[in-house]
Amino acid sequence: MSPSLQTTLPTPAQLRLHDWLQTPPGAYLRHWEAQEFERSVVDVFGYHALQLGLPHIDTLQANRMPNQWLALDDAAVLNVVDGPSQPALKPALKPALLTDFDALPFAEASLDLVTLPHTLELSGDPHGTLSEVHRVLVPEGRVVICGLNPTSLWGLRQRRAELYQRFGFGELYVPDTREWIGYRRLRDWLRLLSFEVESVRFGCYRPAVESQPWLDRTAWLDPLGSRWWPILGGVYFVVAVKRVRGMTLIRRAWKTTPKMAGTPVSVASSAHSAGTTTRKYIESD
């Protein structure tokens, strides 16, 4: 890693998020998402795959593409990945890229798969990031997105904590997120960019608690919630395909139907009946 990246000042917000992902609810979240990523990317074929952000979940581990990269937009997170702390959370990917997510250093239509693990809610320009993903994906390429669901028990506690913070007290349940983007809003963005949603899943139906015993006691809510109120899960998981509308070429018609000439041509012929000469008019092609 270059010295310029190592000497960059760390961002406390990103480091606090790194710590939260190791708490009981963070581990619960990572476990569910790791299973979903494994199920979603294992049968996606191609040559080039990219993960944007959140190095603590190796979203491309089950994928078999020969070229895989991890891109980060913050040098502090990059230092955590390369540092000696938390070796169990290091991703097994090629050397990371440090870049802006709304200006990726890839050519147009050059990637087959892009994964966004909570990338949009941590981005300053989520729509711009999604537009850039659309640019670098090949036709029929796939984007896999997971995000926190504002219409859930987790979202309810997060909004309550944000209200408390306006009065100067309280802490956020999930720290350092800019905005929780709902699934319906994300679906509209995808449709606007000519993405077709292939599958949607919701998960993490346990209440927004912090202790492992309470998470274990409410484990029965996961199968119940996925059956009776699926859209109220704490996190959603979306797989979308980039569609390119086909064009119909209008070709020149080389064979034309012959038209009859409109000008009559006179042809003289002799008729011996009654000693007169008769003129016949025919139409030429």
Protein backbone atom coordinates (compact mmCIF):
# COMPACT_ATOMS: atom_id res chain seq x y z
CA MET A 1 0.00 0.00 0.00
CA SER A 2 1.29 3.40 -0.93
CA PRO A 3 2.51 5.71 1.88
CA SER A 4 0.12 8.44 0.76
CA LEU A 5 -2.84 6.22 1.63
CA GLN A 6 -1.43 5.21 5.00
CA THR A 7 -0.82 8.77 6.13
CA THR A 8 -4.35 9.93 5.32
CA LEU A 9 -6.18 11.06 8.42
CA PRO A 10 -8.78 8.51 9.57
CA THR A 11 -12.50 9.22 9.54
CA PRO A 12 -14.01 8.54 12.99
CA ALA A 13 -17.45 7.86 11.48
CA GLN A 14 -16.18 5.01 9.31
CA LEU A 15 -14.25 3.53 12.23
CA ARG A 16 -17.35 3.60 14.45
CA LEU A 17 -19.27 1.75 11.75
CA HIS A 18 -16.45 -0.79 11.65
CA ASP A 19 -16.86 -1.31 15.39
CA TRP A 20 -20.68 -1.60 15.18
CA LEU A 21 -20.46 -4.44 12.66
CA GLN A 22 -18.73 -6.48 15.38
CA THR A 23 -21.50 -5.97 17.96
CA PRO A 24 -24.20 -8.66 18.36
CA PRO A 25 -26.71 -6.93 16.02
CA GLY A 26 -23.91 -6.16 13.56
CA ALA A 27 -22.78 -9.79 13.54
CA TYR A 28 -26.42 -10.87 13.11
CA LEU A 29 -26.68 -8.56 10.11
CA ARG A 30 -23.39 -9.73 8.57
CA HIS A 31 -24.34 -13.39 8.93
CA TRP A 32 -27.66 -12.98 7.10
CA GLU A 33 -26.17 -10.85 4.35
CA ALA A 34 -23.24 -13.22 3.81
CA GLN A 35 -25.70 -16.04 3.13
CA GLU A 36 -27.69 -13.90 0.70
CA PHE A 37 -24.61 -12.78 -1.20
CA GLU A 38 -23.40 -16.35 -1.50
CA ARG A 39 -26.75 -17.46 -2.88
CA SER A 40 -27.03 -14.53 -5.32
CA VAL A 41 -23.56 -14.39 -6.88
CA VAL A 42 -22.63 -18.08 -7.10
CA ASP A 43 -24.27 -18.53 -10.53
CA VAL A 44 -23.33 -15.15 -12.03
CA PHE A 45 -20.79 -15.77 -14.79
CA GLY A 46 -18.36 -13.42 -16.49
CA TYR A 47 -14.82 -12.14 -16.12
CA HIS A 48 -14.84 -8.98 -13.98
CA ALA A 49 -16.57 -8.36 -10.62
CA LEU A 50 -16.39 -5.39 -8.28
CA GLN A 51 -17.43 -4.80 -4.67
CA LEU A 52 -18.00 -1.22 -3.54
CA GLY A 53 -17.34 -0.64 0.14
CA LEU A 54 -17.86 -2.62 3.37
CA PRO A 55 -14.77 -4.86 3.33
CA HIS A 56 -16.01 -6.74 6.39
CA ILE A 57 -18.30 -8.85 4.18
CA ASP A 58 -16.67 -10.65 1.28
CA THR A 59 -19.60 -10.46 -1.10
CA LEU A 60 -17.70 -12.12 -3.98
CA GLN A 61 -16.36 -15.14 -2.09
CA ALA A 62 -18.80 -17.60 -3.72
CA ASN A 63 -18.36 -16.13 -7.20
CA ARG A 64 -15.97 -17.77 -9.69
CA MET A 65 -15.00 -14.83 -11.88
CA PRO A 66 -11.22 -14.65 -12.43
CA ASN A 67 -10.93 -10.90 -11.80
CA GLN A 68 -12.38 -9.50 -8.57
CA TRP A 69 -11.73 -6.16 -6.90
CA LEU A 70 -12.70 -4.32 -3.74
CA ALA A 71 -13.12 -0.56 -4.10
CA LEU A 72 -13.22 1.78 -1.08
CA ASP A 73 -13.85 5.51 -0.89
CA ASP A 74 -12.19 6.16 2.46
CA ALA A 75 -8.51 5.65 3.30
CA ALA A 76 -9.29 5.01 6.97
CA VAL A 77 -11.28 1.89 6.12
CA LEU A 78 -8.49 0.82 3.79
CA ASN A 79 -6.01 1.07 6.68
CA VAL A 80 -8.26 -1.09 8.84
CA VAL A 81 -8.37 -3.76 6.15
CA ASP A 82 -4.58 -3.73 5.67
CA GLY A 83 -3.78 -3.39 9.36
CA PRO A 84 -3.15 -6.19 11.86
CA SER A 85 -6.46 -5.70 13.70
CA GLN A 86 -9.45 -7.94 13.01
CA PRO A 87 -7.77 -10.52 10.75
CA ALA A 88 -10.97 -12.56 10.57
CA LEU A 89 -12.75 -9.73 8.80
CA LYS A 90 -10.18 -9.24 6.03
CA PRO A 91 -11.67 -9.81 2.58
CA ALA A 92 -10.05 -12.37 0.29
CA LEU A 93 -9.99 -10.04 -2.71
CA LYS A 94 -7.34 -8.48 -4.90
CA PRO A 95 -5.65 -5.24 -3.73
CA ALA A 96 -8.26 -2.59 -3.00
CA LEU A 97 -8.94 0.52 -5.06
CA LEU A 98 -9.35 3.91 -3.44
CA THR A 99 -11.75 5.89 -5.59
CA ASP A 100 -14.95 7.92 -5.62
CA PHE A 101 -17.95 5.68 -6.14
CA ASP A 102 -19.57 8.18 -8.50
CA ALA A 103 -16.44 8.21 -10.74
CA LEU A 104 -15.19 4.65 -11.04
CA PRO A 105 -11.90 4.07 -12.94
CA PHE A 106 -13.43 1.49 -15.28
CA ALA A 107 -14.40 1.72 -18.92
CA GLU A 108 -18.00 1.74 -20.01
CA ALA A 109 -19.59 -1.73 -20.17
CA SER A 110 -16.53 -3.46 -18.70
CA LEU A 111 -17.84 -5.22 -15.55
CA ASP A 112 -20.11 -8.24 -15.29
CA LEU A 113 -21.08 -7.94 -11.61
CA VAL A 114 -21.10 -5.13 -9.04
CA THR A 115 -22.10 -5.57 -5.40
CA LEU A 116 -23.22 -2.70 -3.16
CA PRO A 117 -23.26 -3.79 0.50
CA HIS A 118 -24.84 -0.77 2.24
CA THR A 119 -22.98 1.44 -0.20
CA LEU A 120 -25.88 3.70 -1.13
CA GLU A 121 -26.86 4.73 2.40
CA LEU A 122 -23.22 5.55 3.17
CA SER A 123 -22.70 7.52 -0.04
CA GLY A 124 -23.02 11.26 -0.33
CA ASP A 125 -24.58 10.83 -3.79
CA PRO A 126 -26.41 7.47 -3.88
CA HIS A 127 -28.16 8.15 -7.18
CA GLY A 128 -24.86 9.18 -8.78
CA THR A 129 -23.24 5.99 -7.50
CA LEU A 130 -26.03 3.89 -8.98
CA SER A 131 -25.73 5.73 -12.30
CA GLU A 132 -22.00 5.04 -12.37
CA VAL A 133 -22.65 1.36 -11.71
CA HIS A 134 -25.03 1.33 -14.67
CA ARG A 135 -22.31 2.86 -16.85
CA VAL A 136 -19.62 0.29 -16.05
CA LEU A 137 -21.89 -2.77 -16.25
CA VAL A 138 -22.12 -4.75 -19.46
CA PRO A 139 -25.57 -5.37 -20.97
CA GLU A 140 -27.27 -8.11 -18.93
CA GLY A 141 -24.77 -7.45 -16.13
CA ARG A 142 -26.00 -7.69 -12.55
CA VAL A 143 -25.92 -5.40 -9.54
CA VAL A 144 -26.55 -6.80 -6.05
CA ILE A 145 -27.67 -4.28 -3.43
CA CYS A 146 -28.37 -4.63 0.27
CA GLY A 147 -29.65 -1.76 2.37
CA LEU A 148 -31.25 -0.97 5.70
CA ASN A 149 -35.03 -0.84 5.54
CA PRO A 150 -36.56 2.32 7.05
CA THR A 151 -39.96 0.54 7.25
CA SER A 152 -38.92 -1.85 10.02
CA LEU A 153 -38.36 -2.07 13.76
CA TRP A 154 -34.75 -1.10 13.15
CA GLY A 155 -35.81 1.93 11.13
CA LEU A 156 -38.28 2.95 13.84
CA ARG A 157 -35.59 2.92 16.51
CA GLN A 158 -33.17 4.77 14.22
CA ARG A 159 -35.70 7.58 13.59
CA ARG A 160 -36.46 7.83 17.28
CA ALA A 161 -32.73 8.11 18.07
CA GLU A 162 -32.34 10.82 15.42
CA LEU A 163 -35.19 12.74 17.07
CA TYR A 164 -33.56 12.42 20.48
CA GLN A 165 -30.26 13.67 19.10
CA ARG A 166 -31.94 16.89 18.02
CA PHE A 167 -32.51 17.57 21.70
CA GLY A 168 -28.92 16.73 22.58
CA PHE A 169 -29.08 13.19 23.94
CA GLY A 170 -29.30 9.59 22.77
CA GLU A 171 -27.23 7.51 20.36
CA LEU A 172 -28.04 6.08 16.96
CA TYR A 173 -28.77 2.38 16.76
CA VAL A 174 -26.81 2.02 13.50
CA PRO A 175 -24.13 4.74 13.43
CA ASP A 176 -22.74 6.73 10.54
CA THR A 177 -25.43 6.22 7.92
CA ARG A 178 -26.51 9.27 5.92
CA GLU A 179 -29.99 8.15 4.91
CA TRP A 180 -31.85 4.86 4.85
CA ILE A 181 -33.16 4.44 1.31
CA GLY A 182 -36.44 2.56 1.16
CA TYR A 183 -36.97 -0.29 -1.26
CA ARG A 184 -39.69 1.50 -3.26
CA ARG A 185 -37.43 4.49 -3.77
CA LEU A 186 -34.56 2.25 -4.83
CA ARG A 187 -36.84 0.39 -7.22
CA ASP A 188 -37.82 3.67 -8.89
CA TRP A 189 -34.14 4.59 -9.33
CA LEU A 190 -33.41 1.21 -10.87
CA ARG A 191 -36.28 1.49 -13.31
CA LEU A 192 -35.17 4.98 -14.28
CA LEU A 193 -31.74 3.57 -15.16
CA SER A 194 -33.21 0.67 -17.20
CA PHE A 195 -32.49 -1.95 -14.54
CA GLU A 196 -34.90 -4.83 -14.15
CA VAL A 197 -35.36 -6.15 -10.62
CA GLU A 198 -34.74 -9.89 -10.71
CA SER A 199 -35.30 -10.77 -7.06
CA VAL A 200 -36.04 -9.06 -3.73
CA ARG A 201 -35.65 -10.51 -0.24
CA PHE A 202 -36.09 -9.04 3.23
CA GLY A 203 -34.46 -10.27 6.43
CA CYS A 204 -33.49 -9.53 10.07
CA TYR A 205 -36.94 -9.42 11.70
CA ARG A 206 -35.69 -9.45 15.27
CA PRO A 207 -36.22 -6.22 17.22
CA ALA A 208 -33.57 -3.52 17.44
CA VAL A 209 -31.85 -4.76 20.59
CA GLU A 210 -28.17 -4.67 21.44
CA SER A 211 -27.57 -7.73 23.60
CA GLN A 212 -26.97 -11.23 22.30
CA PRO A 213 -29.38 -12.89 24.80
CA TRP A 214 -32.29 -10.79 23.56
CA LEU A 215 -31.39 -11.52 19.95
CA ASP A 216 -31.39 -15.23 20.76
CA ARG A 217 -34.74 -15.04 22.57
CA THR A 218 -36.41 -13.37 19.60
CA ALA A 219 -34.98 -15.71 16.95
CA TRP A 220 -38.49 -17.12 16.39
CA LEU A 221 -39.42 -13.82 14.70
CA ASP A 222 -37.25 -14.53 11.64
CA PRO A 223 -39.33 -17.38 10.13
CA LEU A 224 -42.55 -15.76 11.29
CA GLY A 225 -41.69 -12.38 9.82
CA SER A 226 -40.54 -13.75 6.47
CA ARG A 227 -43.94 -15.38 6.09
CA TRP A 228 -46.43 -12.86 7.48
CA TRP A 229 -44.84 -9.42 7.14
CA PRO A 230 -41.92 -9.84 4.70
CA ILE A 231 -41.56 -6.15 3.77
CA LEU A 232 -40.88 -5.18 7.41
CA GLY A 233 -37.46 -6.80 7.68
CA GLY A 234 -34.58 -4.72 8.97
CA VAL A 235 -32.64 -5.13 5.71
CA TYR A 236 -33.53 -5.75 2.06
CA PHE A 237 -31.58 -7.55 -0.63
CA VAL A 238 -32.07 -6.71 -4.32
CA VAL A 239 -30.64 -8.30 -7.47
CA ALA A 240 -31.16 -6.26 -10.67
CA VAL A 241 -30.15 -6.80 -14.30
CA LYS A 242 -29.05 -4.08 -16.71
CA ARG A 243 -31.33 -4.18 -19.73
CA VAL A 244 -30.46 -2.56 -23.04
CA ARG A 245 -33.43 -1.96 -25.28
CA GLY A 246 -32.95 -3.27 -28.81
CA MET A 247 -33.18 -1.06 -31.91
CA THR A 248 -35.01 -1.87 -35.14
CA LEU A 249 -33.05 -0.78 -38.20
CA ILE A 250 -35.09 0.57 -41.10
CA ARG A 251 -33.48 -0.72 -44.28
CA ARG A 252 -33.91 0.62 -47.80
CA ALA A 253 -36.27 -1.40 -49.94
CA TRP A 254 -34.21 -2.51 -52.94
CA LYS A 255 -37.01 -4.33 -54.78
CA THR A 256 -39.84 -2.07 -55.85
CA THR A 257 -43.10 -2.85 -57.54
CA PRO A 258 -43.11 -1.67 -61.18
CA LYS A 259 -45.49 1.16 -61.89
CA MET A 260 -47.54 1.68 -65.02
CA ALA A 261 -46.65 4.73 -67.08
CA GLY A 262 -49.38 7.31 -67.23
CA THR A 263 -48.54 8.68 -70.75
CA PRO A 264 -50.18 6.84 -73.66
CA VAL A 265 -48.05 5.92 -76.68
CA SER A 266 -49.67 5.76 -80.07
CA VAL A 267 -48.98 2.82 -82.36
CA ALA A 268 -50.17 2.90 -85.96
CA SER A 269 -51.53 -0.26 -87.48
CA SER A 270 -53.28 -0.91 -90.77
CA ALA A 271 -56.73 -2.24 -90.80
CA HIS A 272 -58.12 -3.23 -94.14
CA SER A 273 -61.64 -3.36 -93.05
CA ALA A 274 -63.68 -0.59 -94.52
CA GLY A 275 -60.48 0.86 -96.11
CA THR A 276 -59.58 2.93 -93.03
CA THR A 277 -56.56 3.23 -90.75
CA THR A 278 -57.11 2.58 -87.02
CA ARG A 279 -54.81 3.90 -84.23
CA LYS A 280 -54.40 1.81 -81.09
CA TYR A 281 -53.20 3.21 -77.78
CA ILE A 282 -51.23 1.09 -75.39
CA GLU A 283 -49.57 1.87 -72.06
CA SER A 284 -45.88 1.19 -71.84
CA ASP A 285 -44.06 0.05 -68.72
